[in-house]
C-alpha atoms as a PDB file:
ATOM      1  CA  MET A   1      15.673 -11.091 -46.794  1.00  0.00           C
ATOM      2  CA  THR A   2      16.313  -7.638 -44.921  1.00  0.00           C
ATOM      3  CA  LYS A   3      14.950  -5.825 -41.644  1.00  0.00           C
ATOM      4  CA  LYS A   4      13.737  -2.475 -41.556  1.00  0.00           C
ATOM      5  CA  HIS A   5      14.090  -0.778 -37.929  1.00  0.00           C
ATOM      6  CA  PHE A   6      12.256   2.188 -36.668  1.00  0.00           C
ATOM      7  CA  THR A   7      10.983   3.606 -33.534  1.00  0.00           C
ATOM      8  CA  HIS A   8       7.773   5.405 -32.460  1.00  0.00           C
ATOM      9  CA  ALA A   9       6.699   6.331 -28.988  1.00  0.00           C
ATOM     10  CA  GLY A  10       3.210   7.223 -27.729  1.00  0.00           C
ATOM     11  CA  LEU A  11       0.750   6.586 -24.888  1.00  0.00           C
ATOM     12  CA  VAL A  12      -1.379   3.586 -24.553  1.00  0.00           C
ATOM     13  CA  HIS A  13      -4.317   3.393 -22.075  1.00  0.00           C
ATOM     14  CA  LEU A  14      -6.282   0.285 -20.844  1.00  0.00           C
ATOM     15  CA  VAL A  15      -8.770   0.498 -18.353  1.00  0.00           C
ATOM     16  CA  LYS A  16      -6.728   2.201 -15.582  1.00  0.00           C
ATOM     17  CA  LEU A  17      -3.271   1.274 -16.750  1.00  0.00           C
ATOM     18  CA  ILE A  18      -1.293   4.035 -18.669  1.00  0.00           C
ATOM     19  CA  VAL A  19       1.552   2.811 -20.774  1.00  0.00           C
ATOM     20  CA  ALA A  20       4.143   3.934 -23.266  1.00  0.00           C
ATOM     21  CA  ALA A  21       4.468   1.814 -26.471  1.00  0.00           C
ATOM     22  CA  THR A  22       7.705   1.814 -28.383  1.00  0.00           C
ATOM     23  CA  LEU A  23       7.750   0.062 -31.769  1.00  0.00           C
ATOM     24  CA  LEU A  24      11.267  -1.574 -31.859  1.00  0.00           C
ATOM     25  CA  SER A  25      11.136  -3.216 -35.135  1.00  0.00           C
ATOM     26  CA  SER A  26       9.116  -4.075 -38.223  1.00  0.00           C
ATOM     27  CA  THR A  27      10.273  -7.237 -39.845  1.00  0.00           C
ATOM     28  CA  VAL A  28       9.861  -7.447 -43.475  1.00  0.00           C
ATOM     29  CA  ALA A  29      10.861 -10.088 -46.086  1.00  0.00           C
ATOM     30  CA  CYS A  30      12.345  -8.413 -49.202  1.00  0.00           C
ATOM     31  CA  THR A  31      11.704  -4.899 -49.706  1.00  0.00           C
ATOM     32  CA  ASP A  32      13.643  -1.582 -49.810  1.00  0.00           C
ATOM     33  CA  ASN A  33      10.634   0.806 -49.507  1.00  0.00           C
ATOM     34  CA  PRO A  34      10.361   1.976 -45.963  1.00  0.00           C
ATOM     35  CA  THR A  35       6.848   3.515 -46.536  1.00  0.00           C
ATOM     36  CA  SER A  36       3.600   1.672 -46.242  1.00  0.00           C
ATOM     37  CA  PRO A  37       2.753   0.250 -49.651  1.00  0.00           C
ATOM     38  CA  THR A  38      -0.576   1.304 -51.358  1.00  0.00           C
ATOM     39  CA  PRO A  39      -2.580  -1.833 -51.913  1.00  0.00           C
ATOM     40  CA  THR A  40      -3.625  -2.834 -55.318  1.00  0.00           C
ATOM     41  CA  THR A  41      -7.063  -4.025 -56.055  1.00  0.00           C
ATOM     42  CA  PRO A  42      -6.392  -6.529 -59.016  1.00  0.00           C
ATOM     43  CA  PRO A  43      -5.780 -10.018 -57.571  1.00  0.00           C
ATOM     44  CA  SER A  44      -2.454 -11.680 -58.341  1.00  0.00           C
ATOM     45  CA  SER A  45      -1.334 -15.421 -58.285  1.00  0.00           C
ATOM     46  CA  SER A  46       2.047 -14.502 -57.921  1.00  0.00           C
ATOM     47  CA  PRO A  47       3.651 -15.917 -54.694  1.00  0.00           C
ATOM     48  CA  VAL A  48       3.942 -13.597 -51.636  1.00  0.00           C
ATOM     49  CA  THR A  49       7.618 -12.697 -50.921  1.00  0.00           C
ATOM     50  CA  ASN A  50       7.194 -10.771 -47.797  1.00  0.00           C
ATOM     51  CA  VAL A  51       4.586  -9.440 -45.186  1.00  0.00           C
ATOM     52  CA  THR A  52       5.245  -5.993 -43.662  1.00  0.00           C
ATOM     53  CA  VAL A  53       3.480  -5.035 -40.366  1.00  0.00           C
ATOM     54  CA  HIS A  54       2.920  -1.256 -39.928  1.00  0.00           C
ATOM     55  CA  ALA A  55       1.710   0.563 -36.706  1.00  0.00           C
ATOM     56  CA  GLY A  56      -0.991   3.270 -36.579  1.00  0.00           C
ATOM     57  CA  ALA A  57      -1.170   5.711 -33.638  1.00  0.00           C
ATOM     58  CA  THR A  58       0.069   4.469 -30.269  1.00  0.00           C
ATOM     59  CA  ALA A  59      -2.275   6.498 -28.065  1.00  0.00           C
ATOM     60  CA  GLY A  60      -5.205   4.857 -26.256  1.00  0.00           C
ATOM     61  CA  ALA A  61      -5.740   1.182 -25.083  1.00  0.00           C
ATOM     62  CA  MET A  62      -5.747  -0.096 -28.714  1.00  0.00           C
ATOM     63  CA  ILE A  63      -2.980  -0.031 -31.091  1.00  0.00           C
ATOM     64  CA  PRO A  64      -3.976  -0.394 -34.725  1.00  0.00           C
ATOM     65  CA  LEU A  65      -1.636  -2.463 -36.972  1.00  0.00           C
ATOM     66  CA  THR A  66      -1.912  -3.271 -40.696  1.00  0.00           C
ATOM     67  CA  ALA A  67      -0.522  -6.104 -42.657  1.00  0.00           C
ATOM     68  CA  SER A  68       0.719  -5.701 -46.215  1.00  0.00           C
ATOM     69  CA  ALA A  69       1.596  -8.567 -48.558  1.00  0.00           C
ATOM     70  CA  SER A  70       4.349  -8.061 -51.328  1.00  0.00           C
ATOM     71  CA  ARG A  71       4.382 -10.371 -54.277  1.00  0.00           C
ATOM     72  CA  ALA A  72       6.978 -11.611 -56.730  1.00  0.00           C
ATOM     73  CA  ASP A  73       5.415  -9.602 -59.569  1.00  0.00           C
ATOM     74  CA  GLY A  74       5.746  -6.303 -57.539  1.00  0.00           C
ATOM     75  CA  THR A  75       2.288  -6.024 -56.303  1.00  0.00           C
ATOM     76  CA  THR A  76       1.205  -5.187 -52.836  1.00  0.00           C
ATOM     77  CA  THR A  77      -2.085  -5.928 -51.072  1.00  0.00           C
ATOM     78  CA  ASP A  78      -3.489  -4.933 -47.700  1.00  0.00           C
ATOM     79  CA  VAL A  79      -4.086  -8.322 -45.859  1.00  0.00           C
ATOM     80  CA  THR A  80      -4.886  -7.013 -42.615  1.00  0.00           C
ATOM     81  CA  MET A  81      -8.370  -8.530 -42.242  1.00  0.00           C
ATOM     82  CA  ARG A  82      -7.122 -12.062 -43.883  1.00  0.00           C
ATOM     83  CA  ALA A  83      -3.731 -12.376 -42.101  1.00  0.00           C
ATOM     84  CA  ASN A  84      -3.329 -14.752 -39.031  1.00  0.00           C
ATOM     85  CA  TRP A  85      -2.331 -12.688 -36.093  1.00  0.00           C
ATOM     86  CA  GLU A  86      -0.611 -13.761 -33.087  1.00  0.00           C
ATOM     87  CA  SER A  87       1.022 -12.402 -30.093  1.00  0.00           C
ATOM     88  CA  SER A  88       4.058 -13.736 -28.416  1.00  0.00           C
ATOM     89  CA  ASN A  89       2.743 -12.947 -24.924  1.00  0.00           C
ATOM     90  CA  SER A  90      -0.937 -12.475 -24.325  1.00  0.00           C
ATOM     91  CA  ALA A  91      -0.384 -11.173 -20.799  1.00  0.00           C
ATOM     92  CA  ILE A  92       1.301  -8.043 -22.193  1.00  0.00           C
ATOM     93  CA  ALA A  93      -0.875  -7.521 -25.279  1.00  0.00           C
ATOM     94  CA  THR A  94      -3.452  -9.436 -27.390  1.00  0.00           C
ATOM     95  CA  VAL A  95      -4.228  -8.873 -31.127  1.00  0.00           C
ATOM     96  CA  GLN A  96      -7.342  -9.481 -33.249  1.00  0.00           C
ATOM     97  CA  THR A  97      -7.524  -8.707 -36.827  1.00  0.00           C
ATOM     98  CA  GLY A  98      -4.741  -6.185 -36.590  1.00  0.00           C
ATOM     99  CA  THR A  99      -5.972  -4.357 -33.354  1.00  0.00           C
ATOM    100  CA  VAL A 100      -3.562  -4.686 -30.351  1.00  0.00           C
ATOM    101  CA  THR A 101      -4.990  -4.500 -26.912  1.00  0.00           C
ATOM    102  CA  VAL A 102      -2.393  -3.793 -24.229  1.00  0.00           C
ATOM    103  CA  MET A 103      -2.780  -5.673 -20.972  1.00  0.00           C
ATOM    104  CA  SER A 104       0.436  -4.986 -19.060  1.00  0.00           C
ATOM    105  CA  THR A 105       3.855  -3.407 -19.238  1.00  0.00           C
ATOM    106  CA  GLY A 106       6.638  -5.540 -20.918  1.00  0.00           C
ATOM    107  CA  GLU A 107       7.973  -6.511 -24.399  1.00  0.00           C
ATOM    108  CA  VAL A 108       5.903  -8.302 -26.911  1.00  0.00           C
ATOM    109  CA  GLU A 109       6.032  -9.392 -30.602  1.00  0.00           C
ATOM    110  CA  ILE A 110       2.928  -9.336 -32.782  1.00  0.00           C
ATOM    111  CA  ARG A 111       3.022 -11.484 -35.879  1.00  0.00           C
ATOM    112  CA  ALA A 112       0.848 -11.491 -38.989  1.00  0.00           C
ATOM    113  CA  ALA A 113       1.068 -14.561 -41.199  1.00  0.00           C
ATOM    114  CA  PHE A 114      -0.255 -14.707 -44.743  1.00  0.00           C
ATOM    115  CA  GLU A 115       0.134 -17.320 -47.433  1.00  0.00           C
ATOM    116  CA  GLY A 116       2.993 -18.954 -45.370  1.00  0.00           C
ATOM    117  CA  ILE A 117       5.065 -15.740 -45.082  1.00  0.00           C
ATOM    118  CA  THR A 118       5.064 -14.039 -41.386  1.00  0.00           C
ATOM    119  CA  GLY A 119       5.859 -10.412 -40.740  1.00  0.00           C
ATOM    120  CA  SER A 120       6.198  -9.045 -37.223  1.00  0.00           C
ATOM    121  CA  ILE A 121       6.592  -5.896 -35.214  1.00  0.00           C
ATOM    122  CA  ARG A 122       7.938  -5.783 -31.585  1.00  0.00           C
ATOM    123  CA  LEU A 123       6.377  -3.404 -28.854  1.00  0.00           C
ATOM    124  CA  VAL A 124       7.990  -2.276 -25.612  1.00  0.00           C
ATOM    125  CA  VAL A 125       5.203  -1.135 -23.076  1.00  0.00           C
ATOM    126  CA  THR A 126       6.284   1.027 -20.215  1.00  0.00           C
ATOM    127  CA  GLU A 127       4.397   3.468 -17.828  1.00  0.00           C
ATOM    128  CA  PRO A 128       4.857   7.078 -18.581  1.00  0.00           C
ATOM    129  CA  PRO A 129       5.956   9.559 -15.957  1.00  0.00           C
ATOM    130  CA  VAL A 130       3.738  10.687 -12.979  1.00  0.00           C
ATOM    131  CA  ALA A 131       2.787  14.339 -12.453  1.00  0.00           C
ATOM    132  CA  SER A 132       0.615  13.844  -9.478  1.00  0.00           C
ATOM    133  CA  VAL A 133      -1.065  11.496  -7.023  1.00  0.00           C
ATOM    134  CA  GLU A 134      -4.607  12.375  -5.901  1.00  0.00           C
ATOM    135  CA  ILE A 135      -6.592  10.782  -2.999  1.00  0.00           C
ATOM    136  CA  SER A 136     -10.216  10.473  -3.113  1.00  0.00           C
ATOM    137  CA  GLY A 137     -12.754   9.011  -0.545  1.00  0.00           C
ATOM    138  CA  GLY A 138     -12.958   9.393   3.144  1.00  0.00           C
ATOM    139  CA  GLY A 139     -14.949   9.154   6.312  1.00  0.00           C
ATOM    140  CA  THR A 140     -15.161  10.332   9.774  1.00  0.00           C
ATOM    141  CA  SER A 141     -15.078   7.180  11.948  1.00  0.00           C
ATOM    142  CA  GLY A 142     -14.975   3.300  11.809  1.00  0.00           C
ATOM    143  CA  VAL A 143     -13.188   1.815   8.836  1.00  0.00           C
ATOM    144  CA  PHE A 144     -13.452   3.359   5.285  1.00  0.00           C
ATOM    145  CA  GLN A 145     -11.549   3.131   1.850  1.00  0.00           C
ATOM    146  CA  LEU A 146      -9.375   5.671   0.058  1.00  0.00           C
ATOM    147  CA  THR A 147      -8.534   5.600  -3.526  1.00  0.00           C
ATOM    148  CA  ALA A 148      -5.069   6.798  -5.050  1.00  0.00           C
ATOM    149  CA  ILE A 149      -5.262   8.048  -8.608  1.00  0.00           C
ATOM    150  CA  ALA A 150      -1.913   8.747 -10.568  1.00  0.00           C
ATOM    151  CA  ARG A 151      -2.166  11.480 -13.105  1.00  0.00           C
ATOM    152  CA  SER A 152       0.375  11.790 -16.134  1.00  0.00           C
ATOM    153  CA  PRO A 153       1.455  15.092 -17.647  1.00  0.00           C
ATOM    154  CA  ASP A 154      -0.969  14.558 -20.650  1.00  0.00           C
ATOM    155  CA  GLY A 155      -3.978  14.387 -18.137  1.00  0.00           C
ATOM    156  CA  SER A 156      -4.601  10.665 -18.311  1.00  0.00           C
ATOM    157  CA  THR A 157      -5.218   8.938 -14.990  1.00  0.00           C
ATOM    158  CA  ARG A 158      -4.691   5.380 -13.483  1.00  0.00           C
ATOM    159  CA  ASP A 159      -5.850   3.823 -10.238  1.00  0.00           C
ATOM    160  CA  VAL A 160      -2.734   3.064  -8.333  1.00  0.00           C
ATOM    161  CA  THR A 161      -4.502   2.242  -4.912  1.00  0.00           C
ATOM    162  CA  ARG A 162      -2.940  -1.229  -4.533  1.00  0.00           C
ATOM    163  CA  THR A 163       0.463  -0.362  -5.758  1.00  0.00           C
ATOM    164  CA  ALA A 164       1.048   3.019  -4.026  1.00  0.00           C
ATOM    165  CA  THR A 165       2.760   3.302  -0.560  1.00  0.00           C
ATOM    166  CA  TRP A 166       0.311   4.370   2.165  1.00  0.00           C
ATOM    167  CA  GLU A 167       1.337   6.462   5.357  1.00  0.00           C
ATOM    168  CA  SER A 168      -0.705   8.031   8.252  1.00  0.00           C
ATOM    169  CA  SER A 169       0.604  11.063   9.864  1.00  0.00           C
ATOM    170  CA  GLU A 170      -0.666   9.801  13.336  1.00  0.00           C
ATOM    171  CA  VAL A 171      -1.272   6.166  13.886  1.00  0.00           C
ATOM    172  CA  THR A 172      -2.875   6.829  17.294  1.00  0.00           C
ATOM    173  CA  ILE A 173      -5.804   8.571  15.476  1.00  0.00           C
ATOM    174  CA  ALA A 174      -5.949   6.408  12.343  1.00  0.00           C
ATOM    175  CA  SER A 175      -4.124   3.725  10.682  1.00  0.00           C
ATOM    176  CA  VAL A 176      -3.853   2.901   6.856  1.00  0.00           C
ATOM    177  CA  SER A 177      -3.291  -0.444   5.198  1.00  0.00           C
ATOM    178  CA  VAL A 178      -1.217  -1.260   2.253  1.00  0.00           C
ATOM    179  CA  ALA A 179      -4.407  -1.128   0.185  1.00  0.00           C
ATOM    180  CA  GLY A 180      -5.707   2.224   1.421  1.00  0.00           C
ATOM    181  CA  GLN A 181      -8.098   1.176   3.970  1.00  0.00           C
ATOM    182  CA  VAL A 182      -8.212   3.406   6.925  1.00  0.00           C
ATOM    183  CA  THR A 183      -9.190   2.398  10.545  1.00  0.00           C
ATOM    184  CA  VAL A 184     -10.049   5.208  13.003  1.00  0.00           C
ATOM    185  CA  VAL A 185      -8.822   4.541  16.528  1.00  0.00           C
ATOM    186  CA  GLY A 186      -8.956   7.990  18.015  1.00  0.00           C
ATOM    187  CA  SER A 187     -10.340  11.473  17.497  1.00  0.00           C
ATOM    188  CA  GLY A 188      -8.548  14.606  15.949  1.00  0.00           C
ATOM    189  CA  ASN A 189      -6.858  15.421  12.661  1.00  0.00           C
ATOM    190  CA  VAL A 190      -4.735  13.007  10.542  1.00  0.00           C
ATOM    191  CA  THR A 191      -3.201  13.403   7.060  1.00  0.00           C
ATOM    192  CA  ILE A 192      -3.105  10.162   4.953  1.00  0.00           C
ATOM    193  CA  ARG A 193      -0.376   9.893   2.191  1.00  0.00           C
ATOM    194  CA  ALA A 194      -0.046   7.822  -0.827  1.00  0.00           C
ATOM    195  CA  SER A 195       3.191   7.642  -2.668  1.00  0.00           C
ATOM    196  CA  TYR A 196       3.761   6.377  -6.197  1.00  0.00           C
ATOM    197  CA  ARG A 197       6.903   6.333  -8.272  1.00  0.00           C
ATOM    198  CA  GLY A 198       8.327   9.079  -6.115  1.00  0.00           C
ATOM    199  CA  VAL A 199       5.179  11.367  -6.310  1.00  0.00           C
ATOM    200  CA  THR A 200       3.082  11.783  -3.016  1.00  0.00           C
ATOM    201  CA  GLY A 201      -0.549  12.943  -2.680  1.00  0.00           C
ATOM    202  CA  SER A 202      -2.184  13.534   0.750  1.00  0.00           C
ATOM    203  CA  ARG A 203      -5.680  14.042   2.211  1.00  0.00           C
ATOM    204  CA  ALA A 204      -6.359  15.600   5.453  1.00  0.00           C
ATOM    205  CA  LEU A 205      -9.170  14.068   7.690  1.00  0.00           C
ATOM    206  CA  THR A 206     -10.913  15.161  10.916  1.00  0.00           C
ATOM    207  CA  VAL A 207     -12.057  11.788  12.526  1.00  0.00           C
ATOM    208  CA  SER A 208     -13.663  10.514  15.721  1.00  0.00           C
ATOM    209  CA  ALA A 209     -13.112   7.399  17.609  1.00  0.00           C
ATOM    210  CA  PRO A 210     -16.135   5.239  17.460  1.00  0.00           C
ATOM    211  CA  SER A 211     -18.062   4.659  20.660  1.00  0.00           C
ATOM    212  CA  ARG A 212     -17.215   1.562  22.715  1.00  0.00           C
ATOM    213  CA  MET A 213     -20.129  -0.597  23.298  1.00  0.00           C
ATOM    214  CA  VAL A 214     -20.687  -1.822  26.979  1.00  0.00           C
ATOM    215  CA  THR A 215     -23.231  -3.715  29.089  1.00  0.00           C
ATOM    216  CA  LEU A 216     -25.593  -1.888  31.326  1.00  0.00           C
ATOM    217  CA  SER A 217     -27.407  -4.227  33.840  1.00  0.00           C
ATOM    218  CA  GLY A 218     -29.079  -3.794  37.174  1.00  0.00           C
ATOM    219  CA  MET A 219     -31.954  -4.376  39.347  1.00  0.00           C
ATOM    220  CA  VAL A 220     -35.285  -2.398  39.961  1.00  0.00           C
ATOM    221  CA  ARG A 221     -36.581  -2.339  43.576  1.00  0.00           C
ATOM    222  CA  SER A 222     -39.041  -0.584  45.732  1.00  0.00           C
ATOM    223  CA  ALA A 223     -37.554   2.091  47.769  1.00  0.00           C
ATOM    224  CA  ALA A 224     -40.012   1.437  50.555  1.00  0.00           C
ATOM    225  CA  THR A 225     -39.571  -2.251  51.100  1.00  0.00           C
ATOM    226  CA  GLY A 226     -36.385  -3.161  49.016  1.00  0.00           C
ATOM    227  CA  THR A 227     -38.329  -5.944  47.237  1.00  0.00           C
ATOM    228  CA  ALA A 228     -37.669  -6.648  43.541  1.00  0.00           C
ATOM    229  CA  ILE A 229     -39.975  -5.181  41.028  1.00  0.00           C
ATOM    230  CA  ALA A 230     -40.903  -7.454  38.192  1.00  0.00           C
ATOM    231  CA  GLY A 231     -42.302  -6.154  34.890  1.00  0.00           C
ATOM    232  CA  ALA A 232     -40.960  -2.729  35.118  1.00  0.00           C
ATOM    233  CA  SER A 233     -40.121  -0.917  31.811  1.00  0.00           C
ATOM    234  CA  VAL A 234     -36.498   0.090  31.606  1.00  0.00           C
ATOM    235  CA  ARG A 235     -35.453   2.672  28.750  1.00  0.00           C
ATOM    236  CA  VAL A 236     -31.963   4.109  27.832  1.00  0.00           C
ATOM    237  CA  LEU A 237     -33.030   7.425  26.347  1.00  0.00           C
ATOM    238  CA  ASN A 238     -30.382   7.469  23.442  1.00  0.00           C
ATOM    239  CA  GLY A 239     -32.572   7.039  20.546  1.00  0.00           C
ATOM    240  CA  MET A 240     -30.848   3.540  19.593  1.00  0.00           C
ATOM    241  CA  THR A 241     -31.168   1.216  22.459  1.00  0.00           C
ATOM    242  CA  PRO A 242     -34.566  -0.758  22.556  1.00  0.00           C
ATOM    243  CA  MET A 243     -36.702  -0.839  25.857  1.00  0.00           C
ATOM    244  CA  THR A 244     -36.424  -3.857  27.897  1.00  0.00           C
ATOM    245  CA  VAL A 245     -38.440  -5.311  31.045  1.00  0.00           C
ATOM    246  CA  THR A 246     -37.316  -6.650  34.359  1.00  0.00           C
ATOM    247  CA  ASP A 247     -37.549 -10.310  34.943  1.00  0.00           C
ATOM    248  CA  PRO A 248     -39.288 -11.879  37.985  1.00  0.00           C
ATOM    249  CA  THR A 249     -36.166 -11.145  40.134  1.00  0.00           C
ATOM    250  CA  GLY A 250     -36.338  -7.322  39.167  1.00  0.00           C
ATOM    251  CA  ARG A 251     -33.223  -7.579  37.014  1.00  0.00           C
ATOM    252  CA  PHE A 252     -32.556  -6.249  33.483  1.00  0.00           C
ATOM    253  CA  VAL A 253     -29.688  -6.018  31.045  1.00  0.00           C
ATOM    254  CA  PHE A 254     -28.662  -3.943  27.854  1.00  0.00           C
ATOM    255  CA  ARG A 255     -25.712  -5.657  26.004  1.00  0.00           C
ATOM    256  CA  GLU A 256     -25.043  -2.936  23.442  1.00  0.00           C
ATOM    257  CA  VAL A 257     -24.965   0.503  24.781  1.00  0.00           C
ATOM    258  CA  PRO A 258     -22.563   3.233  23.605  1.00  0.00           C
ATOM    259  CA  GLU A 259     -19.974   4.239  26.276  1.00  0.00           C
ATOM    260  CA  GLY A 260     -20.617   7.720  27.914  1.00  0.00           C
ATOM    261  CA  ARG A 261     -23.303   9.432  29.822  1.00  0.00           C
ATOM    262  CA  VAL A 262     -26.833   8.027  29.438  1.00  0.00           C
ATOM    263  CA  LEU A 263     -30.266   8.748  30.774  1.00  0.00           C
ATOM    264  CA  ILE A 264     -32.205   5.792  32.193  1.00  0.00           C
ATOM    265  CA  GLU A 265     -35.934   5.896  32.727  1.00  0.00           C
ATOM    266  CA  VAL A 266     -37.962   3.420  34.598  1.00  0.00           C
ATOM    267  CA  MET A 267     -41.801   3.064  34.949  1.00  0.00           C
ATOM    268  CA  ALA A 268     -43.705   0.429  36.883  1.00  0.00           C
ATOM    269  CA  LEU A 269     -47.387   0.212  38.065  1.00  0.00           C
ATOM    270  CA  GLY A 270     -47.820   1.835  41.537  1.00  0.00           C
ATOM    271  CA  TYR A 271     -44.604   3.639  41.488  1.00  0.00           C
ATOM    272  CA  GLN A 272     -43.485   7.105  40.304  1.00  0.00           C
ATOM    273  CA  VAL A 273     -41.475   7.355  36.943  1.00  0.00           C
ATOM    274  CA  TYR A 274     -37.949   7.284  37.764  1.00  0.00           C
ATOM    275  CA  GLU A 275     -35.126   8.912  35.731  1.00  0.00           C
ATOM    276  CA  THR A 276     -31.415   9.064  36.556  1.00  0.00           C
ATOM    277  CA  SER A 277     -28.148  10.073  34.726  1.00  0.00           C
ATOM    278  CA  ARG A 278     -25.288   7.529  34.673  1.00  0.00           C
ATOM    279  CA  GLU A 279     -21.827   7.707  33.088  1.00  0.00           C
ATOM    280  CA  LEU A 280     -20.899   4.385  31.684  1.00  0.00           C
ATOM    281  CA  GLU A 281     -17.190   3.635  31.535  1.00  0.00           C
ATOM    282  CA  GLY A 282     -16.980   0.007  30.613  1.00  0.00           C
ATOM    283  CA  ASP A 283     -19.672  -2.538  31.860  1.00  0.00           C
ATOM    284  CA  THR A 284     -21.845  -1.045  34.545  1.00  0.00           C
ATOM    285  CA  ASN A 285     -24.207  -2.756  37.080  1.00  0.00           C
ATOM    286  CA  VAL A 286     -26.821  -0.298  38.732  1.00  0.00           C
ATOM    287  CA  VAL A 287     -29.512  -0.507  41.423  1.00  0.00           C
ATOM    288  CA  LEU A 288     -32.683   1.655  40.852  1.00  0.00           C
ATOM    289  CA  ASP A 289     -34.890   2.226  43.674  1.00  0.00           C
ATOM    290  CA  LEU A 290     -38.605   3.358  42.916  1.00  0.00           C
ATOM    291  CA  THR A 291     -40.821   5.338  45.080  1.00  0.00           C
ATOM    292  CA  PRO A 292     -44.373   4.297  45.420  1.00  0.00           C
ATOM    293  CA  THR A 293     -46.933   6.422  44.000  1.00  0.00           C
ATOM    294  CA  PRO A 294     -48.694   8.528  47.241  1.00  0.00           C
ATOM    295  CA  GLN A 295     -52.199   7.290  47.806  1.00  0.00           C
ATOM    296  CA  PRO A 296     -54.786  10.177  47.600  1.00  0.00           C
ATOM    297  CA  ALA A 297     -56.622  11.364  50.596  1.00  0.00           C
ATOM    298  CA  PRO A 298     -60.422  10.447  51.021  1.00  0.00           C
ATOM    299  CA  VAL A 299     -62.679  13.094  49.662  1.00  0.00           C
ATOM    300  CA  GLY A 300     -64.846  15.196  51.894  1.00  0.00           C
ATOM    301  CA  GLY A 301     -63.502  13.684  55.308  1.00  0.00           C
ATOM    302  CA  VAL A 302     -60.392  13.312  57.307  1.00  0.00           C
ATOM    303  CA  SER A 303     -58.105  10.263  57.467  1.00  0.00           C
ATOM    304  CA  GLN A 304     -57.522  10.187  61.041  1.00  0.00           C
ATOM    305  CA  LEU A 305     -59.205  11.214  64.267  1.00  0.00           C
ATOM    306  CA  GLN A 306     -57.604  12.017  67.368  1.00  0.00           C
ATOM    307  CA  HIS A 307     -59.411  11.759  70.682  1.00  0.00           C
ATOM    308  CA  ARG A 308     -58.450  13.717  73.569  1.00  0.00           C
END
């Protein structure tokens, strides 16, 4: 038995993994012909002396292989569909009827057995060079996800979000996790970078710190008597906080109000509509005094007579 060695390099792509496959060797049994034999159609009962595995193109997610059986009488037959195929490491590559599917980087041997004779080919799967890293996604506040895409010189791409190294230019404005998740903590301009295999991509963002939620509570009372007013309608006019009503003690509470300046409106039967502007810097308690509605004067008379 002799072994024929040859190499062939190409790109293999699976889902978002780009790899280069090098065919290290093709193992044959007893042949001096390095080229792929031409199958013969007439069946032969002569015993198989060797099985040769050949590789087709190595670009793409799939590597097509063929298996040829050589017999003692000198005939050769394509047995790709009849051979029993096997991968030495299915975590790197799997094989089915001669089609290899690349799963990861590493070295793997693909075998084809036919009538007790086995031929094999060895592949080394490695990643090609990186030409650029591009960052997609974004947001302006809160928490959002970025994606890092590595582009090869041939234009093929792969998602390297979880394997890239992430960095924020200003962590007091926004931080970024090892998986590309950005958390905005301040307002301003920040640049997020992702580096992969010595190549760095960046994305400039303008973000704003999210409003802190605070509690606004207080009491509504009569400005004339100082007594509490129950059932008064209290609104925070920000378009997002629902109305509430004072309890029997005249008290109210809003538990989720964005920090900053707000306009408060109060309405109660027998009192003038009350509006006030307040700056909320943390939890705030206020006292709101309502002025009674003036009583109208009697029509066609005087309200008081003075005697001299």
